[in-house]
N, C-alpha and C. Protein backbone atom coordinates (compact mmCIF):
# COMPACT_ATOMS: atom_id res chain seq x y z
N UNK A 1 0.84 -1.18 0.00
CA UNK A 1 0.00 0.00 0.00
C UNK A 1 0.88 1.24 0.00
N UNK A 2 0.33 2.45 -0.14
CA UNK A 2 1.10 3.70 -0.21
C UNK A 2 1.80 4.01 1.09
N UNK A 3 2.57 5.08 1.07
CA UNK A 3 3.34 5.48 2.24
C UNK A 3 2.43 5.76 3.43
N UNK A 4 1.32 6.45 3.20
CA UNK A 4 0.43 6.82 4.30
C UNK A 4 -0.76 5.88 4.43
N UNK A 5 -0.82 4.87 3.56
CA UNK A 5 -1.92 3.92 3.62
C UNK A 5 -1.78 3.03 4.84
N UNK A 6 -2.86 2.40 5.23
CA UNK A 6 -2.77 1.53 6.39
C UNK A 6 -3.21 0.14 5.99
N UNK A 7 -2.56 -0.80 6.55
CA UNK A 7 -2.97 -2.19 6.40
C UNK A 7 -2.55 -2.92 7.65
N UNK A 8 -3.16 -4.01 7.94
CA UNK A 8 -2.83 -4.74 9.16
C UNK A 8 -1.37 -5.18 9.15
N UNK A 9 -0.91 -5.62 7.96
CA UNK A 9 0.47 -6.09 7.87
C UNK A 9 1.45 -4.93 8.08
N UNK A 10 1.23 -3.79 7.42
CA UNK A 10 2.14 -2.64 7.53
C UNK A 10 2.16 -2.10 8.95
N UNK A 11 1.02 -2.10 9.63
CA UNK A 11 0.97 -1.57 10.99
C UNK A 11 1.72 -2.45 11.96
N UNK A 12 1.77 -3.76 11.70
CA UNK A 12 2.44 -4.65 12.64
C UNK A 12 3.93 -4.79 12.37
N UNK A 13 4.40 -4.41 11.18
CA UNK A 13 5.83 -4.52 10.86
C UNK A 13 6.61 -3.39 11.50
N UNK A 14 7.77 -3.73 11.99
CA UNK A 14 8.65 -2.73 12.59
C UNK A 14 10.03 -2.89 11.97
N UNK A 15 10.79 -1.78 11.86
CA UNK A 15 12.14 -1.90 11.33
C UNK A 15 12.99 -2.82 12.20
N UNK A 16 14.01 -3.39 11.61
CA UNK A 16 14.92 -4.27 12.34
C UNK A 16 15.45 -3.55 13.56
N UNK A 17 15.50 -4.25 14.69
CA UNK A 17 16.03 -3.66 15.91
C UNK A 17 15.00 -2.86 16.68
N UNK A 18 13.74 -2.77 16.20
CA UNK A 18 12.74 -1.98 16.88
C UNK A 18 11.61 -2.82 17.45
N UNK A 19 11.73 -4.14 17.40
CA UNK A 19 10.69 -5.03 17.88
C UNK A 19 10.69 -5.12 19.39
N UNK A 20 9.79 -5.98 19.91
CA UNK A 20 9.69 -6.14 21.36
C UNK A 20 10.98 -6.62 21.99
N UNK A 21 11.73 -7.47 21.30
CA UNK A 21 12.93 -8.05 21.87
C UNK A 21 14.17 -7.18 21.74
N UNK A 22 14.05 -6.03 21.10
CA UNK A 22 15.24 -5.21 20.89
C UNK A 22 15.61 -4.44 22.15
N UNK A 23 16.87 -4.24 22.35
CA UNK A 23 17.33 -3.48 23.50
C UNK A 23 17.58 -2.04 23.06
N UNK A 24 17.53 -1.08 23.99
CA UNK A 24 17.78 0.31 23.64
C UNK A 24 19.17 0.51 23.04
N UNK A 25 20.12 -0.38 23.38
CA UNK A 25 21.48 -0.23 22.88
C UNK A 25 21.56 -0.45 21.37
N UNK A 26 20.53 -1.10 20.79
CA UNK A 26 20.56 -1.33 19.36
C UNK A 26 19.94 -0.17 18.58
N UNK A 27 19.36 0.80 19.26
CA UNK A 27 18.75 1.94 18.60
C UNK A 27 19.84 2.86 18.07
N UNK A 28 19.76 3.24 16.81
CA UNK A 28 20.74 4.11 16.18
C UNK A 28 20.07 5.41 15.76
N UNK A 29 20.62 6.52 16.23
CA UNK A 29 20.14 7.84 15.83
C UNK A 29 21.26 8.52 15.05
N UNK A 30 20.92 9.06 13.88
CA UNK A 30 21.95 9.66 13.02
C UNK A 30 21.65 11.13 12.77
N UNK A 31 22.68 11.96 12.99
CA UNK A 31 22.64 13.36 12.56
C UNK A 31 23.41 13.36 11.25
N UNK A 32 22.67 13.44 10.14
CA UNK A 32 23.26 13.26 8.83
C UNK A 32 24.12 14.41 8.35
N UNK A 33 24.91 14.12 7.30
CA UNK A 33 25.75 15.12 6.67
C UNK A 33 24.90 16.29 6.21
N UNK A 34 25.34 17.50 6.49
CA UNK A 34 24.60 18.69 6.10
C UNK A 34 23.53 19.10 7.10
N UNK A 35 23.29 18.29 8.10
CA UNK A 35 22.27 18.59 9.11
C UNK A 35 22.91 19.27 10.31
N UNK A 36 22.24 20.27 10.87
CA UNK A 36 22.69 20.93 12.10
C UNK A 36 21.60 20.81 13.14
N UNK A 37 21.96 20.31 14.31
CA UNK A 37 21.04 20.20 15.43
C UNK A 37 21.48 21.19 16.49
N UNK A 38 20.56 22.08 16.88
CA UNK A 38 20.84 23.04 17.95
C UNK A 38 20.03 22.62 19.17
N UNK A 39 20.73 22.11 20.16
CA UNK A 39 20.08 21.58 21.37
C UNK A 39 20.73 20.29 21.78
N UNK A 40 20.31 19.78 22.91
CA UNK A 40 20.89 18.57 23.46
C UNK A 40 20.24 17.33 22.87
N UNK A 41 21.04 16.27 22.70
CA UNK A 41 20.54 14.97 22.22
C UNK A 41 20.70 13.96 23.35
N UNK A 42 19.69 13.10 23.52
CA UNK A 42 19.79 12.07 24.54
C UNK A 42 19.09 10.81 24.06
N UNK A 43 19.78 9.67 24.19
CA UNK A 43 19.22 8.37 23.82
C UNK A 43 19.84 7.30 24.68
N UNK A 44 19.17 6.16 24.75
CA UNK A 44 19.74 5.02 25.46
C UNK A 44 20.64 4.20 24.55
N UNK A 45 20.58 4.44 23.26
CA UNK A 45 21.31 3.65 22.28
C UNK A 45 22.57 4.32 21.78
N UNK A 46 22.68 4.41 20.44
CA UNK A 46 23.87 4.93 19.76
C UNK A 46 23.50 6.21 19.01
N UNK A 47 24.39 7.21 19.07
CA UNK A 47 24.24 8.43 18.28
C UNK A 47 25.43 8.51 17.33
N UNK A 48 25.15 8.67 16.03
CA UNK A 48 26.20 8.87 15.04
C UNK A 48 26.05 10.28 14.50
N UNK A 49 27.13 11.08 14.61
CA UNK A 49 27.10 12.47 14.17
C UNK A 49 27.95 12.58 12.90
N UNK A 50 27.27 12.81 11.78
CA UNK A 50 27.95 13.06 10.51
C UNK A 50 27.86 14.54 10.15
N UNK A 51 26.93 15.25 10.77
CA UNK A 51 26.73 16.68 10.55
C UNK A 51 27.27 17.47 11.73
N UNK A 52 26.46 18.42 12.24
CA UNK A 52 26.89 19.29 13.34
C UNK A 52 25.87 19.26 14.46
N UNK A 53 26.35 19.16 15.70
CA UNK A 53 25.50 19.26 16.88
C UNK A 53 26.01 20.42 17.72
N UNK A 54 25.16 21.42 17.95
CA UNK A 54 25.47 22.53 18.85
C UNK A 54 24.73 22.27 20.15
N UNK A 55 25.30 21.44 20.99
CA UNK A 55 24.68 21.06 22.26
C UNK A 55 25.32 19.80 22.78
N UNK A 56 24.84 19.36 23.93
CA UNK A 56 25.41 18.17 24.56
C UNK A 56 24.80 16.91 23.95
N UNK A 57 25.62 15.85 23.90
CA UNK A 57 25.17 14.56 23.38
C UNK A 57 25.33 13.52 24.48
N UNK A 58 24.22 12.86 24.83
CA UNK A 58 24.25 11.82 25.86
C UNK A 58 23.65 10.55 25.27
N UNK A 59 24.45 9.48 25.27
CA UNK A 59 23.99 8.20 24.73
C UNK A 59 24.36 7.09 25.70
N UNK A 60 23.43 6.21 25.96
CA UNK A 60 23.69 5.12 26.90
C UNK A 60 24.72 4.13 26.41
N UNK A 61 24.81 3.95 25.10
CA UNK A 61 25.72 2.96 24.55
C UNK A 61 26.96 3.58 23.93
N UNK A 62 26.78 4.40 22.88
CA UNK A 62 27.95 4.86 22.13
C UNK A 62 27.64 6.16 21.40
N UNK A 63 28.67 7.01 21.29
CA UNK A 63 28.61 8.21 20.45
C UNK A 63 29.71 8.08 19.41
N UNK A 64 29.32 8.17 18.14
CA UNK A 64 30.27 8.12 17.03
C UNK A 64 30.26 9.48 16.34
N UNK A 65 31.38 10.16 16.31
CA UNK A 65 31.50 11.40 15.57
C UNK A 65 32.30 11.06 14.32
N UNK A 66 31.62 10.98 13.20
CA UNK A 66 32.24 10.55 11.95
C UNK A 66 33.17 11.62 11.41
N UNK A 67 34.02 11.23 10.47
CA UNK A 67 34.89 12.18 9.79
C UNK A 67 33.99 13.25 9.15
N UNK A 68 34.26 14.51 9.44
CA UNK A 68 33.42 15.60 8.95
C UNK A 68 32.35 16.01 9.95
N UNK A 69 32.08 15.17 10.95
CA UNK A 69 31.10 15.49 11.98
C UNK A 69 31.69 16.42 13.02
N UNK A 70 30.84 17.28 13.61
CA UNK A 70 31.30 18.26 14.60
C UNK A 70 30.32 18.28 15.77
N UNK A 71 30.86 18.26 16.99
CA UNK A 71 30.04 18.42 18.20
C UNK A 71 30.60 19.60 18.96
N UNK A 72 29.75 20.63 19.17
CA UNK A 72 30.09 21.79 20.00
C UNK A 72 29.35 21.61 21.32
N UNK A 73 29.89 20.80 22.20
CA UNK A 73 29.25 20.52 23.48
C UNK A 73 29.87 19.27 24.08
N UNK A 74 29.43 18.94 25.26
CA UNK A 74 29.97 17.79 25.97
C UNK A 74 29.34 16.49 25.47
N UNK A 75 30.10 15.41 25.59
CA UNK A 75 29.62 14.07 25.23
C UNK A 75 29.68 13.21 26.48
N UNK A 76 28.58 12.49 26.75
CA UNK A 76 28.53 11.57 27.89
C UNK A 76 27.97 10.25 27.39
N UNK A 77 28.74 9.17 27.57
CA UNK A 77 28.35 7.88 27.01
C UNK A 77 29.15 6.76 27.65
N UNK A 78 28.95 5.55 27.16
CA UNK A 78 29.77 4.41 27.58
C UNK A 78 31.03 4.33 26.74
N UNK A 79 30.90 4.55 25.43
CA UNK A 79 32.04 4.51 24.53
C UNK A 79 31.91 5.64 23.51
N UNK A 80 33.01 6.37 23.28
CA UNK A 80 33.02 7.45 22.29
C UNK A 80 34.11 7.18 21.26
N UNK A 81 33.75 7.30 19.98
CA UNK A 81 34.71 7.17 18.89
C UNK A 81 34.64 8.46 18.10
N UNK A 82 35.78 9.17 18.03
CA UNK A 82 35.81 10.47 17.38
C UNK A 82 36.67 10.39 16.12
N UNK A 83 36.03 10.66 14.98
CA UNK A 83 36.73 10.73 13.70
C UNK A 83 36.68 12.14 13.16
N UNK A 84 35.83 12.98 13.75
CA UNK A 84 35.66 14.37 13.33
C UNK A 84 36.21 15.32 14.38
N UNK A 85 35.39 16.29 14.81
CA UNK A 85 35.84 17.30 15.77
C UNK A 85 34.87 17.41 16.93
N UNK A 86 35.43 17.50 18.14
CA UNK A 86 34.64 17.72 19.35
C UNK A 86 35.23 18.91 20.08
N UNK A 87 34.39 19.90 20.37
CA UNK A 87 34.80 21.05 21.18
C UNK A 87 33.98 21.02 22.45
N UNK A 88 34.46 20.25 23.41
CA UNK A 88 33.78 20.05 24.68
C UNK A 88 34.36 18.83 25.36
N UNK A 89 33.93 18.59 26.58
CA UNK A 89 34.44 17.47 27.36
C UNK A 89 33.83 16.15 26.88
N UNK A 90 34.60 15.08 27.00
CA UNK A 90 34.10 13.74 26.70
C UNK A 90 34.22 12.93 27.98
N UNK A 91 33.08 12.35 28.40
CA UNK A 91 33.06 11.47 29.57
C UNK A 91 32.49 10.15 29.12
N UNK A 92 33.34 9.13 29.09
CA UNK A 92 32.92 7.80 28.65
C UNK A 92 33.23 6.79 29.74
N UNK A 93 32.25 6.00 30.11
CA UNK A 93 32.43 5.03 31.19
C UNK A 93 33.51 4.01 30.87
N UNK A 94 33.60 3.59 29.62
CA UNK A 94 34.53 2.52 29.26
C UNK A 94 35.71 2.96 28.41
N UNK A 95 35.45 3.63 27.27
CA UNK A 95 36.52 3.81 26.29
C UNK A 95 36.29 5.05 25.43
N UNK A 96 37.40 5.71 25.09
CA UNK A 96 37.40 6.81 24.12
C UNK A 96 38.45 6.50 23.06
N UNK A 97 38.07 6.67 21.80
CA UNK A 97 39.00 6.49 20.69
C UNK A 97 39.01 7.77 19.87
N UNK A 98 40.20 8.33 19.66
CA UNK A 98 40.36 9.51 18.82
C UNK A 98 41.16 9.06 17.60
N UNK A 99 40.50 9.07 16.45
CA UNK A 99 41.10 8.52 15.24
C UNK A 99 42.01 9.54 14.55
N UNK A 100 42.84 9.04 13.63
CA UNK A 100 43.77 9.88 12.87
C UNK A 100 42.97 10.97 12.15
N UNK A 101 43.44 12.21 12.26
CA UNK A 101 42.78 13.34 11.61
C UNK A 101 41.68 13.97 12.45
N UNK A 102 41.30 13.34 13.56
CA UNK A 102 40.25 13.87 14.42
C UNK A 102 40.84 14.87 15.41
N UNK A 103 39.96 15.73 15.99
CA UNK A 103 40.43 16.67 17.00
C UNK A 103 39.44 16.74 18.15
N UNK A 104 40.00 16.82 19.36
CA UNK A 104 39.21 16.99 20.58
C UNK A 104 39.80 18.17 21.33
N UNK A 105 38.96 19.17 21.58
CA UNK A 105 39.35 20.35 22.35
C UNK A 105 38.55 20.33 23.64
N UNK A 106 39.02 19.61 24.63
CA UNK A 106 38.31 19.51 25.90
C UNK A 106 38.85 18.35 26.72
N UNK A 107 38.43 18.30 27.96
CA UNK A 107 38.89 17.26 28.87
C UNK A 107 38.25 15.92 28.53
N UNK A 108 39.01 14.84 28.78
CA UNK A 108 38.53 13.48 28.52
C UNK A 108 38.62 12.69 29.82
N UNK A 109 37.51 12.06 30.20
CA UNK A 109 37.48 11.22 31.38
C UNK A 109 36.95 9.86 30.97
N UNK A 110 37.75 8.81 31.20
CA UNK A 110 37.37 7.47 30.76
C UNK A 110 38.23 6.43 31.47
N UNK A 111 37.88 5.17 31.31
CA UNK A 111 38.72 4.09 31.85
C UNK A 111 39.87 3.78 30.91
N UNK A 112 39.59 3.77 29.59
CA UNK A 112 40.62 3.45 28.59
C UNK A 112 40.54 4.46 27.46
N UNK A 113 41.71 4.74 26.84
CA UNK A 113 41.75 5.69 25.74
C UNK A 113 42.72 5.21 24.66
N UNK A 114 42.37 5.51 23.41
CA UNK A 114 43.25 5.21 22.28
C UNK A 114 43.29 6.47 21.42
N UNK A 115 44.49 6.99 21.21
CA UNK A 115 44.67 8.18 20.39
C UNK A 115 45.59 7.79 19.24
N UNK A 116 45.07 7.87 18.02
CA UNK A 116 45.85 7.48 16.85
C UNK A 116 46.84 8.57 16.46
N UNK A 117 47.91 8.16 15.81
CA UNK A 117 48.87 9.11 15.28
C UNK A 117 48.15 10.01 14.28
N UNK A 118 48.38 11.31 14.40
CA UNK A 118 47.71 12.27 13.53
C UNK A 118 46.46 12.88 14.15
N UNK A 119 46.05 12.39 15.30
CA UNK A 119 44.91 12.96 16.01
C UNK A 119 45.39 14.12 16.88
N UNK A 120 44.47 15.05 17.20
CA UNK A 120 44.79 16.18 18.07
C UNK A 120 43.90 16.10 19.30
N UNK A 121 44.51 16.13 20.48
CA UNK A 121 43.76 16.12 21.72
C UNK A 121 44.35 17.19 22.63
N UNK A 122 43.57 18.23 22.91
CA UNK A 122 44.00 19.31 23.79
C UNK A 122 43.05 19.38 24.97
N UNK A 123 43.54 18.98 26.13
CA UNK A 123 42.73 18.97 27.34
C UNK A 123 43.34 18.02 28.35
N UNK A 124 42.77 18.00 29.54
CA UNK A 124 43.24 17.08 30.56
C UNK A 124 42.64 15.70 30.33
N UNK A 125 43.41 14.68 30.65
CA UNK A 125 42.93 13.30 30.51
C UNK A 125 42.92 12.67 31.89
N UNK A 126 41.77 12.14 32.28
CA UNK A 126 41.63 11.40 33.52
C UNK A 126 41.19 10.01 33.13
N UNK A 127 41.92 9.00 33.61
CA UNK A 127 41.55 7.65 33.21
C UNK A 127 41.85 6.64 34.30
N UNK A 128 41.34 5.45 34.10
CA UNK A 128 41.50 4.36 35.05
C UNK A 128 40.14 3.88 35.52
N UNK A 129 40.13 2.82 36.34
CA UNK A 129 38.88 2.25 36.80
C UNK A 129 38.05 3.22 37.63
N UNK A 130 38.69 4.08 38.41
CA UNK A 130 37.94 5.00 39.26
C UNK A 130 37.79 6.38 38.66
N UNK A 131 38.19 6.56 37.39
CA UNK A 131 38.16 7.90 36.80
C UNK A 131 36.76 8.44 36.66
N UNK A 132 35.83 7.61 36.27
CA UNK A 132 34.47 8.10 36.07
C UNK A 132 33.49 7.04 36.49
N UNK A 133 32.88 7.25 37.61
CA UNK A 133 31.86 6.30 38.04
C UNK A 133 30.67 7.08 38.55
N UNK A 134 29.52 6.50 38.40
CA UNK A 134 28.28 7.14 38.82
C UNK A 134 27.68 6.35 39.96
N UNK A 135 27.03 7.07 40.87
CA UNK A 135 26.29 6.36 41.89
C UNK A 135 24.91 6.01 41.34
N UNK A 136 24.06 5.43 42.16
CA UNK A 136 22.76 4.97 41.67
C UNK A 136 21.85 6.09 41.19
N UNK A 137 22.10 7.33 41.57
CA UNK A 137 21.28 8.46 41.11
C UNK A 137 21.82 9.04 39.81
N UNK A 138 22.97 8.55 39.33
CA UNK A 138 23.53 9.06 38.09
C UNK A 138 24.42 10.28 38.29
N UNK A 139 24.80 10.55 39.52
CA UNK A 139 25.69 11.69 39.77
C UNK A 139 27.10 11.17 40.00
N UNK A 140 28.08 12.05 39.77
CA UNK A 140 29.47 11.63 39.92
C UNK A 140 29.77 11.24 41.36
N UNK A 141 30.54 10.18 41.51
CA UNK A 141 30.92 9.74 42.84
C UNK A 141 32.19 10.47 43.27
N UNK A 142 32.62 10.20 44.48
CA UNK A 142 33.81 10.87 45.02
C UNK A 142 35.08 10.41 44.34
N UNK A 143 35.04 9.31 43.58
CA UNK A 143 36.23 8.84 42.88
C UNK A 143 36.74 9.90 41.92
N UNK A 144 35.84 10.65 41.31
CA UNK A 144 36.24 11.71 40.39
C UNK A 144 36.89 12.85 41.16
N UNK A 145 36.34 13.17 42.31
CA UNK A 145 36.88 14.28 43.08
C UNK A 145 38.33 14.01 43.48
N UNK A 146 38.66 12.75 43.74
CA UNK A 146 40.04 12.43 44.13
C UNK A 146 41.02 12.59 42.98
N UNK A 147 40.53 12.58 41.74
CA UNK A 147 41.44 12.68 40.60
C UNK A 147 41.67 14.13 40.17
N UNK A 148 41.04 15.08 40.83
CA UNK A 148 41.21 16.48 40.45
C UNK A 148 42.65 16.92 40.72
N UNK A 149 43.13 17.85 39.94
CA UNK A 149 44.48 18.37 40.11
C UNK A 149 44.58 19.15 41.42
N UNK A 150 45.70 19.02 42.14
CA UNK A 150 45.87 19.80 43.36
C UNK A 150 46.06 21.28 43.00
N UNK A 151 45.70 22.12 43.94
CA UNK A 151 45.86 23.56 43.69
C UNK A 151 47.35 23.90 43.63
N UNK A 152 47.65 25.04 43.02
CA UNK A 152 49.05 25.46 42.86
C UNK A 152 49.71 25.57 44.24
N UNK A 153 50.88 25.03 44.36
CA UNK A 153 51.62 25.09 45.61
C UNK A 153 51.31 23.94 46.55
N UNK A 154 50.27 23.18 46.27
CA UNK A 154 49.93 22.05 47.13
C UNK A 154 50.90 20.91 46.87
N UNK A 155 51.28 20.17 47.90
CA UNK A 155 52.20 19.06 47.68
C UNK A 155 51.54 17.96 46.86
N UNK A 156 52.32 17.34 46.01
CA UNK A 156 51.83 16.25 45.16
C UNK A 156 51.79 14.98 46.00
N UNK A 157 50.68 14.24 45.95
CA UNK A 157 50.62 12.99 46.71
C UNK A 157 51.72 12.03 46.27
N UNK A 158 52.24 11.26 47.22
CA UNK A 158 53.35 10.37 46.91
C UNK A 158 52.94 9.20 46.02
N UNK A 159 51.64 8.91 45.93
CA UNK A 159 51.20 7.78 45.13
C UNK A 159 51.11 8.12 43.64
N UNK A 160 51.29 9.37 43.26
CA UNK A 160 51.21 9.77 41.87
C UNK A 160 52.59 9.63 41.23
N UNK A 161 52.71 8.80 40.19
CA UNK A 161 54.02 8.64 39.56
C UNK A 161 54.43 9.92 38.83
N UNK A 162 55.70 10.22 38.90
CA UNK A 162 56.23 11.41 38.26
C UNK A 162 57.23 10.96 37.20
N UNK A 163 57.08 11.47 36.00
CA UNK A 163 58.01 11.11 34.93
C UNK A 163 59.33 11.84 35.14
N UNK A 164 60.41 11.14 34.98
CA UNK A 164 61.75 11.73 35.09
C UNK A 164 62.43 11.56 33.74
N UNK A 165 63.08 12.59 33.30
CA UNK A 165 63.78 12.54 32.03
C UNK A 165 65.25 12.23 32.30
N UNK A 166 65.74 11.17 31.70
CA UNK A 166 67.13 10.79 31.87
C UNK A 166 67.96 11.47 30.79
N UNK A 167 68.99 12.18 31.18
CA UNK A 167 69.87 12.86 30.24
C UNK A 167 71.23 12.20 30.31
N UNK A 168 71.82 11.83 29.18
CA UNK A 168 73.15 11.24 29.21
C UNK A 168 74.17 12.30 29.64
N UNK A 169 75.27 11.88 30.26
CA UNK A 169 76.28 12.86 30.67
C UNK A 169 76.88 13.54 29.44
N UNK A 170 77.24 14.80 29.62
CA UNK A 170 77.83 15.55 28.51
C UNK A 170 79.24 15.04 28.23
N UNK A 171 79.55 14.98 26.97
CA UNK A 171 80.91 14.58 26.58
C UNK A 171 81.83 15.79 26.80
N UNK A 172 82.97 15.53 27.39
CA UNK A 172 83.93 16.62 27.61
C UNK A 172 85.18 16.34 26.79
N UNK A 173 85.77 17.38 26.34
CA UNK A 173 87.00 17.20 25.57
C UNK A 173 88.17 17.03 26.53
N UNK A 174 89.27 16.41 26.07
CA UNK A 174 90.42 16.18 26.97
C UNK A 174 90.92 17.49 27.52
N UNK A 175 91.21 17.50 28.77
CA UNK A 175 91.76 18.68 29.41
C UNK A 175 90.69 19.54 30.08
N UNK A 176 89.40 19.26 29.81
CA UNK A 176 88.31 20.03 30.45
C UNK A 176 87.79 19.25 31.63
N UNK A 177 87.41 19.98 32.63
CA UNK A 177 86.78 19.31 33.77
C UNK A 177 85.26 19.36 33.56
N UNK A 178 84.57 18.38 34.02
CA UNK A 178 83.11 18.31 33.79
C UNK A 178 82.34 19.36 34.51
């Protein structure tokens, strides 16, 4: 029947992944190329950004920012894969991937991160098992507060590893003292 016509069969059919047995994680929402969304996006499933989003993006499963896609706002999800540009913080419960040619201008908080050669990431990175956890109300737990940078002049905790740069001794010519 036509697009707007009704039939018993057409009314009972649902697109793949939208039936009774489908989970919210299988739901895919796409901001297509050439499309601009002004406002926040929220879903329990996956958001793929091929166009532009001027607002925050929250997805229960995954946020994909495709090559050419732009997000001007924060991203909150379980897993984030960035192939385009993000100007805002990324908070992912499990993993963040910044692909070659992609750029992130903002802080990243996650358990695991992968940054490809050729990617740009400007911001603070907080990671590990306790980097980002939520309590039962969905608010940040104290684990995040412990990862905050100490104020200027405050002593650095002894449990934080400090990178040391090893410099080879300078070569001296005969007759010179070191």
